[in-house]
């Protein structure tokens, strides 16, 4: 079985939902650009409960409910940094990936990154192009 790429998985990122994680108990819906969404509920005891329907390999849809622990670490200059704990291995993470039925960390899903399959010069070109786009250029050094 080939390892899934991170870019091909739905991602639940702390920096995209930090207002929910740091705020009071609430509920609502989180959406991705392709009309996919999950329902969430943040509890008083710092858990994020997510509910969604998904299918694997074109099979019928399955309803899934995950309970994700939230940790708020105090920062030295005030405030808090939010982290999620993987529901399976309890690893503290800032991103959970959905591959198959569940949102888990990259270690539990055995996820790899597209850049790990690239040659060094390809990674350097990609990095250079990224910074060139920030400067308003079309490409870096092709």
Foldseek 3Di string as FASTA:
>chain_A
DDAAAQVVWDKDFCVVCVCCQPDAWDWDWDDDPVRAIWIWTADRQAKIKIWHWDDDPPDDIDIDIAIWHKDWDADPVGDTDIWIAFRPPRDTHRMFTDDGHDTGDCVVSVHDHPCVPDDPVVVVQVVQQVVCVVVVHRGGDD
